Protein backbone atom coordinates (compact mmCIF):
# COMPACT_ATOMS: atom_id res chain seq x y z
CA MET A 1 58.14 74.85 127.45
CA ILE A 2 60.67 77.82 127.63
CA GLN A 3 60.84 80.03 124.35
CA ILE A 4 63.66 82.43 123.27
CA ASN A 5 64.17 84.49 119.91
CA ALA A 6 67.53 84.14 119.05
CA PRO A 7 69.41 87.62 118.30
CA ALA A 8 70.39 88.93 115.04
CA SER A 9 73.63 87.06 113.69
CA LYS A 10 76.49 89.52 113.78
CA SER A 11 78.47 87.42 111.30
CA TYR A 12 75.38 88.16 108.97
CA LEU A 13 74.91 91.84 110.12
CA GLN A 14 78.33 92.67 109.57
CA ARG A 15 78.53 91.50 106.28
CA VAL A 16 75.35 93.32 105.05
CA LEU A 17 76.39 96.52 106.72
CA ALA A 18 79.72 96.31 104.68
CA ILE A 19 78.27 95.39 101.21
CA SER A 20 75.34 97.72 101.55
CA THR A 21 77.68 100.64 101.92
CA LEU A 22 79.21 99.53 98.42
CA ALA A 23 75.62 99.47 97.03
CA SER A 24 74.06 102.22 95.00
CA GLY A 25 70.82 103.38 96.51
CA LYS A 26 68.95 102.69 99.71
CA THR A 27 68.96 99.15 101.41
CA THR A 28 66.63 98.20 104.02
CA VAL A 29 67.81 95.70 106.94
CA ASN A 30 65.43 94.04 109.00
CA ASN A 31 65.58 91.98 112.25
CA ILE A 32 68.57 94.20 113.83
CA SER A 33 69.87 93.79 117.27
CA TRP A 34 72.94 95.19 118.09
CA CYS A 35 76.37 94.06 119.88
CA ASN A 36 79.72 95.75 120.11
CA ASP A 37 81.04 94.31 116.87
CA SER A 38 78.08 95.27 114.58
CA LEU A 39 77.92 98.66 116.28
CA ALA A 40 81.70 99.00 115.09
CA VAL A 41 80.79 98.10 111.69
CA LYS A 42 78.16 100.76 112.04
CA LYS A 43 80.03 103.27 112.63
CA ILE A 44 82.58 102.81 110.05
CA VAL A 45 79.98 102.86 107.16
CA GLU A 46 78.77 105.90 108.86
CA GLN A 47 82.51 107.38 108.32
CA LEU A 48 82.51 106.50 104.76
CA GLY A 49 79.55 108.87 104.20
CA ALA A 50 76.42 106.38 103.94
CA LYS A 51 73.24 107.57 105.94
CA ILE A 52 71.39 105.37 108.13
CA THR A 53 68.24 105.45 109.47
CA GLU A 54 66.92 103.27 112.50
CA THR A 55 63.49 102.53 113.60
CA GLU A 56 62.74 99.69 115.91
CA ASN A 57 64.53 96.56 114.39
CA THR A 58 64.76 97.90 111.00
CA ILE A 59 67.76 100.25 109.51
CA THR A 60 67.89 101.82 106.15
CA ILE A 61 71.33 102.44 104.51
CA ASN A 62 71.43 104.98 102.10
CA ASN A 63 74.68 105.23 100.07
CA GLU A 64 75.03 108.67 98.13
CA LYS A 65 78.75 109.07 97.69
CA LEU A 66 81.43 106.97 99.62
CA GLN A 67 84.66 109.00 100.64
CA ILE A 68 87.04 109.20 102.96
CA ASN A 69 87.20 112.49 105.00
CA ASN A 70 88.93 110.95 108.30
CA PRO A 71 91.36 108.37 107.50
CA TYR A 72 91.26 107.00 110.95
CA PHE A 73 89.04 103.98 111.48
CA ASN A 74 88.07 101.68 114.70
CA VAL A 75 87.27 98.23 114.28
CA GLY A 76 86.79 97.99 118.11
CA GLU A 77 87.48 94.21 118.75
CA SER A 78 85.84 92.96 115.69
CA GLY A 79 88.34 90.58 113.81
CA LEU A 80 85.88 90.32 110.97
CA ALA A 81 85.69 94.27 110.46
CA LEU A 82 89.65 94.67 110.61
CA ARG A 83 89.96 91.81 107.66
CA MET A 84 87.06 93.01 105.52
CA PHE A 85 87.94 96.77 105.66
CA SER A 86 91.44 96.33 105.05
CA SER A 87 90.30 95.13 101.67
CA ILE A 88 87.21 97.72 101.45
CA LEU A 89 89.32 100.66 102.35
CA SER A 90 92.08 99.94 100.02
CA LEU A 91 89.61 100.80 96.81
CA PHE A 92 90.53 104.20 98.32
CA ASN A 93 93.61 105.57 96.96
CA GLN A 94 94.75 107.91 100.09
CA GLU A 95 96.31 106.76 103.14
CA LYS A 96 94.00 104.95 105.74
CA THR A 97 94.71 103.59 109.17
CA ILE A 98 92.75 101.07 111.13
CA TYR A 99 92.75 100.96 114.85
CA ALA A 100 91.72 98.01 117.11
CA GLN A 101 90.77 97.49 120.78
CA GLY A 102 91.21 95.30 123.40
CA SER A 103 92.65 91.40 122.61
CA LEU A 104 92.35 92.16 118.91
CA LEU A 105 95.48 94.50 119.64
CA ASN A 106 97.55 91.55 120.27
CA ARG A 107 96.30 89.31 117.58
CA PRO A 108 98.61 88.91 114.64
CA ILE A 109 97.81 90.19 111.22
CA GLU A 110 100.41 88.59 108.97
CA GLU A 111 97.41 87.33 106.61
CA ILE A 112 96.61 90.98 105.97
CA ILE A 113 99.97 91.75 105.28
CA ASN A 114 100.58 88.64 103.11
CA ALA A 115 97.17 89.19 101.36
CA LEU A 116 97.73 93.27 100.47
CA GLN A 117 101.16 93.04 99.65
CA GLN A 118 100.30 90.89 96.72
CA SER A 119 98.56 94.04 95.56
CA GLU A 120 101.66 96.60 95.99
CA ILE A 121 99.77 97.99 98.94
CA LYS A 122 102.21 99.35 101.44
CA ILE A 123 101.78 98.38 105.10
CA SER A 124 103.00 99.42 108.20
CA THR A 125 102.03 98.13 111.54
CA GLN A 126 102.94 98.33 115.12
CA GLN A 127 105.38 95.22 115.20
CA GLY A 128 103.05 93.25 113.18
CA LYS A 129 100.05 94.11 114.94
CA THR A 130 97.62 96.93 114.62
CA PRO A 131 97.25 99.85 113.96
CA LEU A 132 97.44 99.14 110.46
CA THR A 133 98.17 101.94 107.94
CA LEU A 134 97.72 101.42 104.30
CA LYS A 135 99.06 102.88 101.25
CA GLY A 136 98.16 102.56 97.71
CA THR A 137 94.70 101.10 95.99
CA LEU A 138 93.75 97.45 95.38
CA LYS A 139 94.61 96.28 92.24
CA ALA A 140 92.96 93.00 90.24
CA GLY A 141 94.88 89.98 89.65
CA ASN A 142 96.06 86.82 91.25
CA TYR A 143 96.09 86.21 94.80
CA ILE A 144 97.26 83.35 97.11
CA ILE A 145 95.75 82.90 100.43
CA ASP A 146 96.56 80.95 103.60
CA GLY A 147 93.40 80.24 105.20
CA SER A 148 94.58 77.96 107.66
CA GLN A 149 93.80 80.32 110.67
CA SER A 150 91.07 82.17 109.61
CA SER A 151 88.68 82.78 106.41
CA GLN A 152 88.07 86.52 107.10
CA ILE A 153 90.71 88.10 104.90
CA LEU A 154 89.30 85.91 101.80
CA THR A 155 86.05 87.34 102.87
CA GLY A 156 87.14 90.89 102.52
CA LEU A 157 88.70 90.20 99.16
CA LEU A 158 85.84 88.54 97.63
CA ILE A 159 83.72 91.29 98.65
CA THR A 160 85.81 93.88 97.18
CA LEU A 161 87.60 92.56 94.45
CA PRO A 162 84.64 92.48 91.95
CA LEU A 163 84.36 96.03 92.05
CA LEU A 164 87.67 96.60 90.04
CA LYS A 165 87.77 96.82 86.62
CA LYS A 166 89.59 93.42 85.61
CA ASN A 167 89.11 90.02 86.54
CA SER A 168 90.86 88.20 89.53
CA ILE A 169 91.69 84.70 90.70
CA ILE A 170 92.44 83.85 94.32
CA ASP A 171 93.83 80.49 95.08
CA ALA A 172 93.09 79.66 98.94
CA ILE A 173 95.43 77.12 100.46
CA ASN A 174 94.23 75.05 103.57
CA LEU A 175 91.07 77.13 103.88
CA LYS A 176 89.36 76.77 107.15
CA SER A 177 85.63 77.98 108.29
CA LYS A 178 84.53 77.26 104.66
CA PRO A 179 80.68 77.95 105.88
CA TYR A 180 81.63 81.45 106.40
CA ILE A 181 82.69 81.62 102.96
CA ASP A 182 79.49 80.22 101.52
CA LEU A 183 77.69 82.82 103.91
CA THR A 184 79.59 85.96 102.20
CA ILE A 185 78.91 84.69 98.76
CA GLU A 186 75.38 84.07 99.67
CA ILE A 187 74.92 87.55 100.92
CA MET A 188 76.80 88.72 97.88
CA LYS A 189 74.50 87.33 95.81
CA ARG A 190 71.84 88.74 97.44
CA PHE A 191 73.05 91.99 96.33
CA GLY A 192 73.57 91.31 92.60
CA VAL A 193 77.40 89.72 92.82
CA SER A 194 78.66 86.56 91.82
CA ILE A 195 81.82 84.67 91.93
CA GLU A 196 82.89 81.46 90.96
CA ASN A 197 84.07 78.65 93.67
CA ASN A 198 85.69 76.03 92.73
CA ASN A 199 85.77 73.41 95.61
CA TYR A 200 87.33 76.22 97.93
CA GLU A 201 90.60 76.06 96.42
CA LYS A 202 90.15 78.68 93.45
CA PHE A 203 87.71 81.46 93.38
CA ILE A 204 87.15 83.18 89.81
CA ILE A 205 86.36 86.84 90.03
CA ASN A 206 84.98 88.64 87.29
CA GLY A 207 85.35 92.39 87.39
CA ASN A 208 83.15 95.67 86.77
CA GLN A 209 80.14 94.25 88.79
CA LYS A 210 78.24 96.54 90.80
CA TYR A 211 76.15 96.11 94.35
CA ILE A 212 72.56 96.40 94.00
CA SER A 213 70.97 98.01 97.03
CA THR A 214 68.04 95.54 98.25
CA ASN A 215 65.49 94.61 101.28
CA ILE A 216 67.27 92.09 103.35
CA ASN A 217 66.32 90.20 106.64
CA ILE A 218 69.49 89.38 109.21
CA GLU A 219 69.15 85.68 110.29
CA GLY A 220 68.81 84.50 113.92
CA ASP A 221 72.52 83.89 115.18
CA TRP A 222 73.20 80.29 115.75
CA SER A 223 76.17 80.82 117.83
CA GLY A 224 74.90 82.52 120.43
CA ALA A 225 71.88 80.50 120.55
CA ALA A 226 74.30 77.41 120.92
CA TYR A 227 74.33 78.01 124.72
CA PHE A 228 70.39 77.76 125.02
CA LEU A 229 70.14 74.59 122.86
CA VAL A 230 72.62 72.77 125.06
CA TYR A 231 70.91 74.06 127.99
CA GLY A 232 67.39 72.32 126.42
CA ALA A 233 69.62 69.04 126.04
CA VAL A 234 70.67 69.05 129.61
CA LYS A 235 67.85 70.50 131.73
CA ASN A 236 64.79 71.61 130.21
CA LYS A 237 62.78 71.75 126.80
CA ILE A 238 63.34 74.90 124.98
CA GLU A 239 62.58 76.46 121.78
CA ILE A 240 64.81 79.14 119.90
CA LYS A 241 62.81 81.02 117.61
CA ASN A 242 64.42 83.32 114.56
CA LEU A 243 66.52 80.44 113.75
CA ASP A 244 66.83 78.99 110.20
CA TYR A 245 68.34 75.53 109.61
CA ASN A 246 69.03 76.52 106.07
CA SER A 247 71.44 79.10 106.50
CA LYS A 248 75.04 78.91 105.47
CA GLN A 249 76.19 79.81 109.35
CA ALA A 250 78.82 77.50 110.21
CA ASP A 251 77.57 77.26 114.20
CA LYS A 252 74.16 75.65 112.89
CA GLN A 253 76.43 72.28 113.51
CA ILE A 254 75.74 72.45 117.04
CA ILE A 255 72.43 70.62 116.14
CA ASP A 256 74.53 67.54 114.66
CA ALA A 257 76.48 67.33 118.11
CA LEU A 258 73.56 67.51 120.12
CA LYS A 259 72.04 64.60 117.99
CA SER A 260 75.42 62.93 118.63
CA ALA A 261 75.27 63.14 122.22
CA GLY A 262 71.43 61.72 122.28
CA ALA A 263 69.63 65.03 122.54
CA LEU A 264 66.30 65.15 121.10
CA VAL A 265 65.94 68.02 118.27
CA THR A 266 62.89 69.02 116.23
CA ILE A 267 63.58 71.33 113.44
CA SER A 268 60.65 73.59 112.08
CA LYS A 269 60.69 76.38 109.36
CA ASN A 270 61.78 79.15 111.69
CA SER A 271 62.83 77.53 115.05
CA VAL A 272 64.36 74.70 116.75
CA ILE A 273 63.22 72.52 119.72
CA VAL A 274 65.46 70.75 122.03
CA GLU A 275 64.85 68.19 124.80
CA LYS A 276 66.11 66.67 127.53
CA ASN A 277 67.31 63.19 126.96
CA GLN A 278 70.38 60.69 128.39
CA LEU A 279 73.40 61.93 127.04
CA ASN A 280 76.24 60.00 126.18
CA SER A 281 80.01 60.81 124.82
CA PHE A 282 80.36 62.28 121.58
CA ASN A 283 83.47 62.68 119.25
CA PHE A 284 83.00 66.12 117.15
CA ASP A 285 85.13 67.96 114.84
CA ALA A 286 84.89 71.66 115.16
CA SER A 287 87.55 72.83 112.82
CA ASN A 288 84.77 74.57 110.71
CA CYS A 289 82.74 75.99 113.59
CA PRO A 290 85.60 76.88 116.23
CA ASP A 291 83.03 79.16 118.12
CA LEU A 292 81.13 76.22 119.16
CA PHE A 293 84.04 74.73 121.36
CA PRO A 294 82.66 76.49 124.60
CA PRO A 295 79.37 75.06 124.61
CA LEU A 296 80.18 71.95 123.40
CA VAL A 297 82.48 71.71 126.41
CA CYS A 298 79.59 72.46 128.60
CA LEU A 299 77.65 69.89 126.70
CA ALA A 300 80.35 67.40 127.12
CA SER A 301 80.64 67.84 130.88
CA GLN A 302 76.89 66.51 131.28
CA CYS A 303 77.28 63.58 129.20
CA ASN A 304 78.23 59.88 130.09
CA GLY A 305 81.83 58.91 129.06
CA ILE A 306 84.67 60.92 127.77
CA SER A 307 84.11 63.27 124.81
CA THR A 308 86.55 64.70 122.13
CA ILE A 309 86.41 67.79 120.20
CA LYS A 310 88.89 68.46 116.95
CA GLY A 311 90.17 71.66 116.05
CA THR A 312 91.99 73.25 119.07
CA ASN A 313 94.41 74.79 116.76
CA ARG A 314 91.76 77.41 115.55
CA LEU A 315 91.31 78.59 119.24
CA ILE A 316 94.65 80.03 119.78
CA HIS A 317 94.08 83.68 118.44
CA LYS A 318 90.86 84.10 119.60
CA GLU A 319 89.47 86.66 121.97
CA SER A 320 91.90 84.42 124.39
CA ASN A 321 93.90 81.46 123.97
CA ARG A 322 90.47 79.90 124.23
CA ALA A 323 91.76 76.40 124.44
CA GLU A 324 94.22 77.27 127.21
CA VAL A 325 91.36 79.04 128.96
CA LEU A 326 88.81 76.58 128.94
CA LYS A 327 91.31 74.02 130.12
CA THR A 328 92.74 76.45 133.26
CA GLU A 329 89.65 78.20 134.20
CA PHE A 330 86.97 75.35 134.15
CA ASN A 331 89.48 73.10 135.92
CA LYS A 332 88.44 75.32 138.77
CA ILE A 333 84.94 74.35 139.06
CA GLY A 334 86.09 70.40 138.49
CA LEU A 335 85.92 69.99 134.78
CA GLN A 336 88.90 68.08 133.44
CA ILE A 337 90.03 68.93 130.16
CA SER A 338 93.44 68.16 128.26
CA VAL A 339 94.37 69.37 124.92
CA ASN A 340 96.84 66.87 122.78
CA ASP A 341 97.37 67.16 118.87
CA ASN A 342 94.56 69.45 117.84
CA VAL A 343 92.01 67.58 120.23
CA MET A 344 90.21 68.66 123.61
CA THR A 345 89.22 65.72 125.71
CA ILE A 346 86.65 66.56 128.17
CA THR A 347 85.89 64.13 131.24
CA PRO A 348 82.52 64.85 132.97
CA ALA A 349 82.19 65.94 136.37
CA LYS A 350 79.91 67.11 139.15
CA LEU A 351 80.39 70.78 138.61
CA LYS A 352 81.51 72.96 141.69
CA ALA A 353 81.32 76.38 142.88
CA GLY A 354 84.15 78.92 141.79
CA THR A 355 84.97 81.82 140.12
CA ILE A 356 85.89 81.94 136.29
CA ASN A 357 87.83 84.45 134.71
CA SER A 358 86.28 85.25 131.24
CA ASN A 359 89.70 86.47 130.28
CA ASN A 360 87.46 89.13 128.47
CA ASP A 361 86.38 86.22 126.33
CA HIS A 362 82.82 86.97 125.39
CA ARG A 363 82.17 83.18 124.89
CA ILE A 364 84.30 82.01 128.05
CA ALA A 365 81.88 84.15 129.82
CA MET A 366 78.84 82.93 127.97
CA VAL A 367 79.93 79.46 128.60
CA ALA A 368 80.14 80.03 132.51
CA GLY A 369 76.96 81.57 132.54
CA LEU A 370 75.44 78.22 130.94
CA MET A 371 77.45 75.90 133.53
CA ASN A 372 76.27 77.63 136.81
CA LEU A 373 72.71 76.69 135.74
CA PHE A 374 73.84 73.15 136.00
CA CYS A 375 76.07 73.60 139.06
CA LYS A 376 74.37 71.84 141.97
CA ASN A 377 76.81 72.70 144.85
CA GLY A 378 76.74 76.45 144.70
CA THR A 379 77.39 79.60 142.30
CA ILE A 380 79.92 79.76 139.69
CA ASN A 381 80.74 83.59 139.54
CA ILE A 382 82.20 85.38 136.44
CA GLU A 383 85.01 87.90 136.36
CA ASN A 384 84.83 90.23 133.45
CA LYS A 385 81.49 89.19 132.63
CA GLU A 386 80.47 92.13 130.46
CA ALA A 387 82.55 90.89 127.82
CA ILE A 388 79.46 89.34 126.58
CA ASN A 389 78.70 92.86 124.82
CA LYS A 390 81.17 91.97 122.10
CA SER A 391 78.38 89.61 120.27
CA TYR A 392 75.33 89.19 122.63
CA PRO A 393 74.45 91.90 125.19
CA ASN A 394 71.23 90.26 126.63
CA TYR A 395 72.60 86.72 127.03
CA PHE A 396 72.43 86.96 130.85
CA ASN A 397 69.00 89.20 130.67
CA ASP A 398 67.52 86.10 128.56
CA ILE A 399 68.81 83.93 131.31
CA LEU A 400 67.15 85.90 133.99
CA ASN A 401 63.77 87.07 132.23
CA ASN A 402 63.32 82.97 131.19
CA LYS A 403 63.95 82.00 134.34
CA LEU A 404 66.48 79.36 133.23
């Protein structure tokens, strides 16, 4: 049986790094593995004055005095970092500018503008996109947040508002990716800060709270593990270690999809085993876990019958227009994909050799690598495969080292 350790969850690690910066004293963070998104947050944390010491896969974050010496911050391609730190940096009165790179340069940021303008923060952008310059400080009060495209700006406000002196209320409209809000609230609680969540529609936040430094382990990443779990269902029995099924990570829902398709799944305390079985078509709603679309498309390509995945509206502003890229690129290797009314339909096919352009989207590069393992008619080549560095730099090494 193949055994692979899941990398650290970048969603979890980025939140922990941000909150550690706001906690007094020294926080110890275990089970570290780095990707570009997490490294971007690490750099911002250090830029704010926190001292980070690293030994093997453990770091300590010592926050003595937060301050902005250099008002120019770069979040790289991390949409979460952009949205979290637009709120966190607004704790400081001085002017600050947030820069981005790569595909994030072209992603709209209206939800950030709309959220922070409710606090009378003055905002200037480059035609509605980054760089983003902020003037003024975040104020306690009532906020209305549109969560139809992303929950990340809500995450930023939830992390930041408890530190203000007065109480706040956030009304969330059409909130998606609810599990990521659960994840944010859970990590905040680990650092001693609590909020009230009323059915994901109203969040009541008491002010004058303080984050307390702690010792915390970073969970394994369900998003990255999903590709190998699909491999186990299609080809060979596999165990992915360092996965907690009690996690609040949205992408643990891959288990539900695998079971729906007929895969044999065994869940233990800290790992998941998936075995090959006859796979039949499935219908799955990925609205709250849109990052699962690529591995689910791969799973569907190997099932008997036509499968559907709901939630394509969540894919437009990813690192690429992910629905369109999945449809266009994988047609090159024989897979038929259509998108209508927020639903993707996948007709299984025998994959053929060809070249897939990742469009600098890490999850497209990863799923192309997975599909190559199932292609019996040659090799699927991947252009811009280095896009994986955004979330899982060792992905192809794990494939090669385990002889998948």
